[in-house]
Amino acid sequence: MLIARAFLAIALIVFLSGCSTIFDARSQKEKIIASYKAGNFAESAALVEKKADAREGTGDELMWRLEEGSAFFSAGDYVKSIKAFEKAEKIILDYENRAVVTVRDGKDETASMLTNPNAIPYKGNYHEKIMLNAYKALCYFALGKAEDARVELRRMYERQKEAMERFGDEIEKAENFAKKNNSSMENISSKVTEFKEIEKSVTPVSNKALGNFANPFATYLSAIGYLSDGSYDSAAVDFRNLYRMDPKNTLFRKDLITCAMRSSENIPRELALELPEKYSMTSNVVYVIFANGMAATRKGITIHLLLPPPVTGYTGVSFPILEYFPKPYDCVSLRDSAGNTFRTVRVADMDAIIAREYKNALPAMITRIFLAIAVKETANFFLLQAAKNDAAVYWATVAAMSAYKYAFNTPDTRCWQMLPKEYQIVHFPKPPDGKITVTPGFQGILPHLGSGDTANAKEITLNNEKKISIIYVNSPGKGVFSVSLFEFN
């Protein structure tokens, strides 16, 4: 009777589990991401839209809506992109507006013990919530709705502020959860060397992040929003924060000096001798945003664990780690009709931002894996003990439990993949005829030499009747060089 009930429970778990509980998110998105990296943005948007609609109402919907928003943004369908991001935002707010602990949350945690962490609804990472509003702002700029864009930028600012304020609480919560279950990083690393190696590998990348949950691209985009509204004062505050994050960044230094001199903000003493830009940053100006490469994403590896009593031996468990990708280009070089050249400068390392958040989440991730393995292996042990007097039932139990453990040995690779590896920015005054040549560039090649991937160079003409022009360049893969133009007053 016990074994029959166990088989029924296993069948019920398999039936009720979501797609990502058995098939990891990374493998589900392979065709979509391959299409996106190849520059087939319309195709990837159609594929992910279909998948997102099919996953509506499930614990994975948020992830699919974020990917859908990115794909439509890259395809130039900004209305559909906004709709996808609004659906994602609604899901996030639903999770955040719940009570601290609910029956539903408890059910999800229990399900994750019986299956894997994919059973817990995907609630999004801090960097994803910040980027959601950044993308919405860009969509509104693309549609010429600058005021709506600035609303999103204010929401983005609140998201970033919230993330930085909650940072300490999140770390403490994760550490307490780990200690409660006797699975601190020190305790686990002494027994499972793979976890120590994972932490060791992610630390150098994580250390490149400019502050906890601070996203310099979001801050810079906020400054562009203020400048588009004519406010040097507010933009200077953002540039001051950027300068504090990275005092050596030449773009941050120059922008802070320029905005401070044209507002009531004080200029840092160490920058007093540096010169500001000679042109306006609020009108007749071009801002170039370069989304370079693909951001770090999660992939599964197998880790071998020594099983605790009463079970003995080893078992393999899938665990998500970060995978990094090379950047297609080093920069974007721009030339106007008068021969003036400009080159983008990196403002945000998205790999570092993602790695920082991943590292912070490691203790809780590892604890959940340990608890889930303990539950499954202990259940397996007692079921086999109950069936040991009947050979047929015993081997049927072995087969069923093996299939059950194999089916749910799935790493939680859910994340927003269609983000760039890094963001670069440059700005300059509009040329009189509005003509600009945009070319992918390589490290060490001087812009004034006109070198680079000239086969992918684009010629664009600005509308000089518009105060602000944003040239958005997206290069998710080598040879893919998409240039979009957003213009508004």
Protein backbone atom coordinates (compact mmCIF):
# COMPACT_ATOMS: atom_id res chain seq x y z
CA MET A 1 0.00 0.00 0.00
CA LEU A 2 2.82 2.40 0.91
CA ILE A 3 4.58 1.76 -2.39
CA ALA A 4 1.36 2.11 -4.42
CA ARG A 5 0.70 5.47 -2.78
CA ALA A 6 4.28 6.53 -3.48
CA PHE A 7 3.93 5.63 -7.17
CA LEU A 8 0.66 7.60 -7.32
CA ALA A 9 2.34 10.59 -5.69
CA ILE A 10 5.24 10.44 -8.15
CA ALA A 11 2.84 10.31 -11.09
CA LEU A 12 0.91 13.28 -9.66
CA ILE A 13 4.10 15.30 -9.19
CA VAL A 14 5.17 14.66 -12.77
CA PHE A 15 1.72 15.61 -14.06
CA LEU A 16 1.48 18.85 -12.10
CA SER A 17 5.06 20.03 -12.62
CA GLY A 18 5.76 22.85 -15.05
CA CYS A 19 7.80 22.46 -18.20
CA SER A 20 10.95 23.97 -16.66
CA THR A 21 10.74 21.51 -13.77
CA ILE A 22 11.70 18.72 -16.18
CA PHE A 23 13.31 20.61 -19.11
CA ASP A 24 15.63 23.41 -18.05
CA ALA A 25 14.97 26.92 -19.34
CA ARG A 26 18.32 27.16 -21.16
CA SER A 27 17.50 24.19 -23.42
CA GLN A 28 13.96 25.48 -24.05
CA LYS A 29 15.36 28.76 -25.36
CA GLU A 30 18.12 27.37 -27.59
CA LYS A 31 16.38 27.97 -30.92
CA ILE A 32 15.12 31.41 -29.84
CA ILE A 33 18.53 32.59 -28.61
CA ALA A 34 20.32 31.20 -31.67
CA SER A 35 17.94 33.17 -33.90
CA TYR A 36 18.44 36.31 -31.81
CA LYS A 37 22.26 36.07 -31.84
CA ALA A 38 22.16 35.65 -35.62
CA GLY A 39 20.27 38.94 -35.91
CA ASN A 40 16.93 37.36 -36.89
CA PHE A 41 15.05 39.55 -34.44
CA ALA A 42 11.59 39.25 -36.00
CA GLU A 43 11.86 35.45 -36.02
CA SER A 44 13.05 35.28 -32.41
CA ALA A 45 10.23 37.64 -31.38
CA ALA A 46 7.61 35.44 -33.04
CA LEU A 47 9.05 32.30 -31.40
CA VAL A 48 9.26 33.77 -27.91
CA GLU A 49 5.80 35.39 -28.17
CA LYS A 50 4.29 31.98 -28.87
CA LYS A 51 6.17 30.44 -25.94
CA ALA A 52 5.27 33.28 -23.56
CA ASP A 53 1.57 32.99 -24.39
CA ALA A 54 1.73 29.21 -23.87
CA ARG A 55 3.30 29.71 -20.42
CA GLU A 56 0.79 32.35 -19.29
CA GLY A 57 -0.24 31.83 -15.68
CA THR A 58 2.68 29.50 -14.88
CA GLY A 59 5.67 30.05 -12.62
CA ASP A 60 7.86 30.66 -15.66
CA GLU A 61 5.79 33.36 -17.34
CA LEU A 62 7.87 36.26 -16.03
CA MET A 63 11.03 34.93 -17.65
CA TRP A 64 9.31 34.46 -21.00
CA ARG A 65 7.72 37.94 -20.91
CA LEU A 66 11.13 39.54 -20.29
CA GLU A 67 12.58 37.68 -23.27
CA GLU A 68 9.53 38.64 -25.34
CA GLY A 69 9.99 42.32 -24.48
CA SER A 70 13.67 42.22 -25.50
CA ALA A 71 12.96 40.41 -28.76
CA PHE A 72 10.25 42.85 -29.86
CA PHE A 73 12.43 45.81 -28.86
CA SER A 74 15.25 44.50 -31.05
CA ALA A 75 12.78 43.81 -33.87
CA GLY A 76 11.62 47.44 -33.72
CA ASP A 77 8.08 46.68 -32.55
CA TYR A 78 8.11 49.00 -29.54
CA VAL A 79 4.36 48.80 -28.85
CA LYS A 80 4.50 45.01 -28.50
CA SER A 81 7.68 45.31 -26.47
CA ILE A 82 5.99 47.64 -23.98
CA LYS A 83 3.00 45.27 -23.71
CA ALA A 84 5.28 42.33 -22.93
CA PHE A 85 7.20 44.31 -20.31
CA GLU A 86 3.95 45.53 -18.74
CA LYS A 87 2.83 41.91 -18.34
CA ALA A 88 6.18 41.11 -16.74
CA GLU A 89 5.88 44.10 -14.42
CA LYS A 90 2.40 43.02 -13.35
CA ILE A 91 3.73 39.58 -12.38
CA ILE A 92 6.57 41.14 -10.38
CA LEU A 93 4.20 43.45 -8.52
CA ASP A 94 1.88 40.52 -7.77
CA TYR A 95 4.72 38.66 -6.05
CA GLU A 96 5.92 41.75 -4.20
CA ASN A 97 2.46 42.72 -2.95
CA ARG A 98 1.79 39.36 -1.31
CA ALA A 99 2.17 38.78 2.41
CA VAL A 100 5.68 37.90 3.55
CA VAL A 101 4.80 34.19 3.80
CA THR A 102 1.71 32.64 2.23
CA VAL A 103 0.27 29.16 1.88
CA ARG A 104 1.14 29.34 -1.80
CA ASP A 105 4.76 30.12 -1.01
CA GLY A 106 4.90 27.16 1.36
CA LYS A 107 3.44 24.88 -1.30
CA ASP A 108 6.04 26.06 -3.80
CA GLU A 109 8.90 25.42 -1.37
CA THR A 110 7.55 21.93 -0.65
CA ALA A 111 7.24 21.21 -4.35
CA SER A 112 10.85 22.31 -4.87
CA MET A 113 11.98 19.77 -2.26
CA LEU A 114 10.14 16.99 -4.10
CA THR A 115 11.25 18.10 -7.57
CA ASN A 116 13.82 20.91 -7.96
CA PRO A 117 14.10 24.70 -7.52
CA ASN A 118 12.26 25.23 -10.82
CA ALA A 119 9.03 24.47 -8.94
CA ILE A 120 9.38 27.84 -7.18
CA PRO A 121 7.84 30.60 -9.36
CA TYR A 122 10.41 32.78 -11.06
CA LYS A 123 10.26 36.22 -9.43
CA GLY A 124 13.11 37.89 -11.29
CA ASN A 125 16.48 39.22 -10.20
CA TYR A 126 17.14 42.79 -9.10
CA HIS A 127 19.13 43.63 -12.24
CA GLU A 128 16.25 42.34 -14.37
CA LYS A 129 13.67 44.49 -12.60
CA ILE A 130 15.85 47.56 -13.12
CA MET A 131 16.43 46.76 -16.80
CA LEU A 132 12.71 46.19 -17.39
CA ASN A 133 11.98 49.88 -16.78
CA ALA A 134 15.10 50.89 -18.72
CA TYR A 135 13.80 49.03 -21.78
CA LYS A 136 10.34 50.54 -21.39
CA ALA A 137 11.93 54.00 -21.28
CA LEU A 138 13.88 53.27 -24.47
CA CYS A 139 10.68 52.06 -26.15
CA TYR A 140 8.93 55.31 -25.30
CA PHE A 141 11.91 57.34 -26.56
CA ALA A 142 11.70 55.32 -29.79
CA LEU A 143 8.01 56.21 -30.08
CA GLY A 144 8.79 59.91 -29.51
CA LYS A 145 7.03 59.91 -26.11
CA ALA A 146 9.74 61.51 -24.01
CA GLU A 147 7.53 62.27 -21.02
CA ASP A 148 6.36 58.65 -20.77
CA ALA A 149 10.01 57.59 -21.02
CA ARG A 150 10.89 59.85 -18.10
CA VAL A 151 8.12 58.26 -16.02
CA GLU A 152 9.74 54.86 -16.61
CA LEU A 153 13.16 56.30 -15.74
CA ARG A 154 11.80 57.49 -12.40
CA ARG A 155 10.43 54.00 -11.75
CA MET A 156 13.81 52.57 -12.75
CA TYR A 157 15.52 54.89 -10.27
CA GLU A 158 13.21 53.67 -7.49
CA ARG A 159 13.95 50.06 -8.46
CA GLN A 160 17.68 50.67 -8.25
CA LYS A 161 17.36 52.50 -4.95
CA GLU A 162 15.21 49.68 -3.57
CA ALA A 163 17.72 47.06 -4.72
CA MET A 164 20.63 48.83 -3.02
CA GLU A 165 18.62 49.33 0.19
CA ARG A 166 17.56 45.68 0.31
CA PHE A 167 21.03 44.36 -0.45
CA GLY A 168 22.07 43.94 3.17
CA ASP A 169 18.75 42.35 4.12
CA GLU A 170 18.99 39.86 1.27
CA ILE A 171 22.50 38.79 2.23
CA GLU A 172 21.51 38.38 5.88
CA LYS A 173 18.40 36.41 4.93
CA ALA A 174 20.40 34.05 2.69
CA GLU A 175 23.06 33.51 5.35
CA ASN A 176 20.45 32.83 8.07
CA PHE A 177 18.62 30.37 5.80
CA ALA A 178 21.88 28.54 5.19
CA LYS A 179 22.87 28.48 8.87
CA LYS A 180 19.42 27.28 9.93
CA ASN A 181 19.84 24.27 7.68
CA ASN A 182 23.50 23.74 8.63
CA SER A 183 24.65 24.58 5.12
CA SER A 184 26.83 27.69 5.35
CA MET A 185 29.27 28.24 2.47
CA GLU A 186 32.17 27.30 4.77
CA ASN A 187 30.48 24.07 5.90
CA ILE A 188 29.47 23.03 2.39
CA SER A 189 32.75 24.00 0.71
CA SER A 190 34.69 21.81 3.15
CA LYS A 191 32.65 18.80 1.98
CA VAL A 192 31.95 19.63 -1.68
CA THR A 193 34.94 21.19 -3.41
CA GLU A 194 32.90 21.97 -6.56
CA PHE A 195 30.94 24.65 -4.67
CA LYS A 196 34.17 26.27 -3.52
CA GLU A 197 35.37 26.32 -7.13
CA ILE A 198 32.09 27.88 -8.29
CA GLU A 199 32.39 30.66 -5.70
CA LYS A 200 36.06 31.13 -6.59
CA SER A 201 35.34 31.42 -10.33
CA VAL A 202 32.52 33.95 -9.96
CA THR A 203 34.31 36.22 -7.47
CA PRO A 204 36.74 38.00 -9.90
CA VAL A 205 33.87 38.88 -12.26
CA SER A 206 31.60 39.87 -9.37
CA ASN A 207 34.26 42.19 -7.97
CA LYS A 208 34.14 44.28 -11.16
CA ALA A 209 30.59 45.41 -10.32
CA LEU A 210 30.42 49.11 -9.37
CA GLY A 211 28.58 48.80 -6.06
CA ASN A 212 25.96 46.39 -4.85
CA PHE A 213 23.10 46.22 -7.38
CA ALA A 214 24.15 49.56 -8.86
CA ASN A 215 23.67 49.59 -12.63
CA PRO A 216 25.68 52.43 -14.21
CA PHE A 217 23.77 52.13 -17.49
CA ALA A 218 20.50 52.73 -15.66
CA THR A 219 22.00 55.77 -13.95
CA TYR A 220 23.34 57.14 -17.24
CA LEU A 221 19.99 56.58 -18.96
CA SER A 222 18.37 58.49 -16.10
CA ALA A 223 20.75 61.39 -16.77
CA ILE A 224 19.81 61.37 -20.48
CA GLY A 225 16.17 61.58 -19.39
CA TYR A 226 16.85 64.66 -17.28
CA LEU A 227 18.92 66.29 -20.04
CA SER A 228 16.14 65.66 -22.55
CA ASP A 229 13.97 67.72 -20.19
CA GLY A 230 16.57 70.48 -19.97
CA SER A 231 17.63 69.76 -16.38
CA TYR A 232 21.40 70.00 -15.93
CA ASP A 233 20.94 70.03 -12.15
CA SER A 234 19.30 66.61 -11.92
CA ALA A 235 21.63 65.14 -14.55
CA ALA A 236 24.61 66.39 -12.54
CA VAL A 237 23.40 64.35 -9.54
CA ASP A 238 23.36 61.21 -11.68
CA PHE A 239 26.79 61.95 -13.13
CA ARG A 240 28.16 62.58 -9.65
CA ASN A 241 26.94 59.13 -8.62
CA LEU A 242 28.55 57.63 -11.72
CA TYR A 243 31.80 59.42 -10.97
CA ARG A 244 31.77 57.96 -7.46
CA MET A 245 31.27 54.49 -8.93
CA ASP A 246 34.13 54.86 -11.39
CA PRO A 247 36.31 57.98 -10.91
CA LYS A 248 38.63 56.99 -13.80
CA ASN A 249 35.91 56.86 -16.43
CA THR A 250 36.63 59.75 -18.80
CA LEU A 251 33.00 60.03 -19.94
CA PHE A 252 31.67 60.27 -16.38
CA ARG A 253 34.26 62.92 -15.47
CA LYS A 254 33.57 65.10 -18.50
CA ASP A 255 29.80 64.85 -18.13
CA LEU A 256 29.91 65.71 -14.44
CA ILE A 257 32.04 68.81 -15.08
CA THR A 258 29.81 69.93 -17.96
CA CYS A 259 26.54 69.56 -16.06
CA ALA A 260 27.92 70.95 -12.80
CA MET A 261 29.19 74.11 -14.54
CA ARG A 262 25.76 74.66 -16.10
CA SER A 263 23.86 74.11 -12.86
CA SER A 264 24.05 74.80 -9.15
CA GLU A 265 26.07 71.63 -8.46
CA ASN A 266 29.60 71.90 -7.08
CA ILE A 267 32.53 70.61 -9.13
CA PRO A 268 34.75 68.12 -7.28
CA ARG A 269 38.03 69.78 -6.35
CA GLU A 270 40.11 67.17 -8.16
CA LEU A 271 38.26 67.96 -11.42
CA ALA A 272 38.51 71.74 -11.17
CA LEU A 273 41.13 72.05 -13.92
CA GLU A 274 39.36 69.79 -16.43
CA LEU A 275 37.38 71.32 -19.28
CA PRO A 276 33.66 70.83 -19.98
CA GLU A 277 32.05 69.99 -23.32
CA LYS A 278 31.61 73.04 -25.54
CA TYR A 279 28.24 71.95 -26.93
CA SER A 280 24.78 71.65 -25.40
CA MET A 281 23.82 68.32 -23.85
CA THR A 282 20.12 69.21 -23.83
CA SER A 283 19.47 70.01 -27.49
CA ASN A 284 20.97 69.46 -30.95
CA VAL A 285 22.87 66.50 -29.50
CA VAL A 286 23.33 62.80 -30.35
CA TYR A 287 23.58 60.06 -27.71
CA VAL A 288 24.90 56.71 -28.91
CA ILE A 289 24.09 53.57 -26.90
CA PHE A 290 25.93 50.38 -27.82
CA ALA A 291 24.50 47.08 -26.51
CA ASN A 292 27.49 44.80 -27.07
CA GLY A 293 27.33 40.98 -27.04
CA MET A 294 25.29 38.64 -24.86
CA ALA A 295 25.23 38.76 -21.06
CA ALA A 296 26.31 35.93 -18.78
CA THR A 297 23.65 33.25 -18.52
CA ARG A 298 23.06 30.15 -16.45
CA LYS A 299 23.94 26.62 -17.51
CA GLY A 300 23.79 23.32 -15.63
CA ILE A 301 26.71 21.19 -14.47
CA THR A 302 26.75 17.96 -12.45
CA ILE A 303 28.06 18.03 -8.89
CA HIS A 304 28.74 14.82 -6.96
CA LEU A 305 27.53 14.74 -3.36
CA LEU A 306 28.20 12.30 -0.52
CA LEU A 307 24.78 11.19 0.77
CA PRO A 308 23.99 11.55 4.50
CA PRO A 309 22.80 8.62 6.70
CA PRO A 310 20.71 6.49 6.53
CA VAL A 311 21.56 6.61 2.82
CA THR A 312 25.12 5.90 1.73
CA GLY A 313 27.11 6.50 -1.44
CA TYR A 314 27.23 9.34 -3.95
CA THR A 315 24.66 11.04 -6.16
CA GLY A 316 24.95 13.52 -9.00
CA VAL A 317 22.93 16.74 -8.90
CA SER A 318 22.54 19.40 -11.57
CA PHE A 319 23.46 22.91 -10.43
CA PRO A 320 23.41 26.23 -12.33
CA ILE A 321 26.62 28.15 -12.91
CA LEU A 322 27.31 31.26 -14.99
CA GLU A 323 28.61 31.02 -18.53
CA TYR A 324 30.26 34.03 -20.16
CA PHE A 325 30.50 34.91 -23.85
CA PRO A 326 33.06 36.94 -25.83
CA LYS A 327 32.06 40.37 -27.04
CA PRO A 328 31.63 40.69 -30.82
CA TYR A 329 33.23 44.14 -31.03
CA ASP A 330 35.25 46.45 -28.82
CA CYS A 331 33.43 49.67 -29.57
CA VAL A 332 31.42 51.66 -32.09
CA SER A 333 33.19 54.30 -34.17
CA LEU A 334 31.16 57.21 -35.58
CA ARG A 335 32.16 59.74 -38.22
CA ASP A 336 30.24 62.81 -39.36
CA SER A 337 30.42 64.40 -42.81
CA ALA A 338 33.03 66.91 -41.60
CA GLY A 339 35.41 64.08 -40.68
CA ASN A 340 34.95 64.35 -36.90
CA THR A 341 35.19 60.92 -35.20
CA PHE A 342 33.82 59.63 -31.93
CA ARG A 343 34.11 56.35 -30.08
CA THR A 344 31.87 54.68 -27.50
CA VAL A 345 33.09 54.16 -23.93
CA ARG A 346 31.98 51.35 -21.64
CA VAL A 347 29.65 52.50 -18.89
CA ALA A 348 28.27 49.19 -17.56
CA ASP A 349 29.60 45.64 -17.30
CA MET A 350 26.43 43.53 -17.20
CA ASP A 351 28.43 40.32 -16.61
CA ALA A 352 29.79 41.82 -13.38
CA ILE A 353 26.33 42.98 -12.26
CA ILE A 354 24.84 39.52 -12.91
CA ALA A 355 27.79 37.76 -11.25
CA ARG A 356 27.44 39.90 -8.12
CA GLU A 357 23.80 38.97 -7.71
CA TYR A 358 24.50 35.30 -8.46
CA LYS A 359 27.23 35.19 -5.83
CA ASN A 360 24.92 36.74 -3.25
CA ALA A 361 22.29 34.07 -3.98
CA LEU A 362 24.71 31.10 -3.79
CA PRO A 363 24.17 30.16 -0.11
CA ALA A 364 20.39 29.89 -0.50
CA MET A 365 20.70 28.07 -3.86
CA ILE A 366 23.06 25.48 -2.37
CA THR A 367 20.90 25.00 0.72
CA ARG A 368 17.82 24.23 -1.39
CA ILE A 369 19.78 21.67 -3.41
CA PHE A 370 21.00 19.93 -0.24
CA LEU A 371 17.52 19.79 1.28
CA ALA A 372 15.97 18.48 -1.93
CA ILE A 373 18.58 15.72 -2.24
CA ALA A 374 18.08 14.72 1.39
CA VAL A 375 14.29 14.45 0.92
CA LYS A 376 14.51 12.41 -2.30
CA GLU A 377 17.27 10.06 -1.21
CA THR A 378 15.70 9.42 2.19
CA ALA A 379 12.34 8.63 0.53
CA ASN A 380 14.15 6.36 -1.92
CA PHE A 381 15.88 4.53 0.94
CA PHE A 382 12.72 3.83 2.93
CA LEU A 383 10.70 2.79 -0.12
CA LEU A 384 13.39 0.28 -1.06
CA GLN A 385 13.46 -0.99 2.49
CA ALA A 386 9.69 -1.52 2.39
CA ALA A 387 9.94 -3.42 -0.91
CA LYS A 388 12.99 -5.59 -0.19
CA ASN A 389 10.96 -8.75 0.55
CA ASP A 390 9.32 -8.80 -2.88
CA ALA A 391 11.83 -8.87 -5.78
CA ALA A 392 9.34 -7.71 -8.44
CA VAL A 393 8.12 -4.79 -6.34
CA TYR A 394 11.68 -3.96 -5.30
CA TRP A 395 12.96 -3.63 -8.87
CA ALA A 396 9.81 -1.79 -9.93
CA THR A 397 10.51 0.67 -7.11
CA VAL A 398 14.14 1.02 -8.19
CA ALA A 399 13.03 1.75 -11.75
CA ALA A 400 10.32 4.22 -10.70
CA MET A 401 12.54 6.13 -8.26
CA SER A 402 15.41 6.21 -10.75
CA ALA A 403 13.12 7.64 -13.42
CA TYR A 404 11.70 10.13 -10.90
CA LYS A 405 15.14 11.37 -9.80
CA TYR A 406 16.42 11.52 -13.37
CA ALA A 407 13.37 13.47 -14.59
CA PHE A 408 13.69 16.11 -11.87
CA ASN A 409 17.48 16.44 -11.83
CA THR A 410 17.08 19.73 -13.69
CA PRO A 411 19.13 22.85 -12.95
CA ASP A 412 17.34 26.15 -12.42
CA THR A 413 18.75 28.07 -15.39
CA ARG A 414 15.92 30.59 -15.54
CA CYS A 415 17.12 34.11 -16.30
CA TRP A 416 16.69 36.93 -18.79
CA GLN A 417 19.14 35.96 -21.54
CA MET A 418 18.51 38.68 -24.14
CA LEU A 419 20.60 41.26 -22.31
CA PRO A 420 23.94 42.60 -23.57
CA LYS A 421 27.34 41.78 -22.14
CA GLU A 422 28.06 45.48 -21.71
CA TYR A 423 26.73 48.94 -22.50
CA GLN A 424 28.85 51.66 -24.08
CA ILE A 425 27.93 55.31 -24.66
CA VAL A 426 29.24 58.41 -26.38
CA HIS A 427 27.63 61.75 -27.32
CA PHE A 428 28.46 64.60 -29.66
CA PRO A 429 26.78 67.59 -31.38
CA LYS A 430 24.63 66.96 -34.43
CA PRO A 431 26.39 67.70 -37.73
CA PRO A 432 24.71 70.39 -39.89
CA ASP A 433 23.68 67.89 -42.58
CA GLY A 434 22.73 65.19 -40.04
CA LYS A 435 24.82 62.51 -41.79
CA ILE A 436 26.62 59.93 -39.63
CA THR A 437 28.56 56.75 -40.46
CA VAL A 438 28.34 54.09 -37.75
CA THR A 439 31.02 51.36 -37.80
CA PRO A 440 31.85 48.44 -35.46
CA GLY A 441 35.38 48.93 -34.11
CA PHE A 442 38.19 46.91 -32.55
CA GLN A 443 40.53 47.52 -29.64
CA GLY A 444 43.68 49.43 -30.50
CA ILE A 445 42.35 50.82 -33.77
CA LEU A 446 42.13 54.61 -33.71
CA PRO A 447 38.74 55.96 -34.79
CA HIS A 448 40.25 58.69 -36.99
CA LEU A 449 41.87 56.02 -39.17
CA GLY A 450 38.41 54.86 -40.25
CA SER A 451 39.24 51.22 -39.55
CA GLY A 452 36.93 48.54 -38.23
CA ASP A 453 34.34 46.14 -39.61
CA THR A 454 33.50 48.40 -42.56
CA ALA A 455 31.41 45.65 -44.20
CA ASN A 456 28.82 46.23 -41.47
CA ALA A 457 29.04 50.03 -41.43
CA LYS A 458 25.70 51.89 -41.55
CA GLU A 459 24.91 55.32 -42.96
CA ILE A 460 22.17 57.24 -41.16
CA THR A 461 20.67 60.71 -41.46
CA LEU A 462 19.49 62.53 -38.34
CA ASN A 463 16.43 64.76 -38.16
CA ASN A 464 17.93 68.07 -37.07
CA GLU A 465 14.48 69.42 -36.23
CA LYS A 466 14.46 67.12 -33.20
CA LYS A 467 16.34 68.22 -30.07
CA ILE A 468 17.60 64.77 -29.10
CA SER A 469 18.71 61.85 -31.24
CA ILE A 470 19.56 58.46 -29.73
CA ILE A 471 21.43 56.03 -31.95
CA TYR A 472 20.89 52.57 -30.46
CA VAL A 473 23.32 49.91 -31.71
CA ASN A 474 22.70 46.25 -30.91
CA SER A 475 25.29 43.57 -31.62
CA PRO A 476 24.40 40.26 -29.93
CA GLY A 477 26.77 38.28 -32.16
CA LYS A 478 29.73 38.73 -34.50
CA GLY A 479 28.64 40.16 -37.83
CA VAL A 480 25.31 41.37 -36.40
CA PHE A 481 25.19 45.17 -36.27
CA SER A 482 21.69 46.60 -35.90
CA VAL A 483 21.31 50.39 -35.79
CA SER A 484 18.09 52.10 -34.67
CA LEU A 485 17.34 55.79 -34.39
CA PHE A 486 15.12 57.35 -31.69
CA GLU A 487 14.41 61.08 -32.06
CA PHE A 488 12.25 63.42 -30.01
CA ASN A 489 11.88 66.89 -28.56
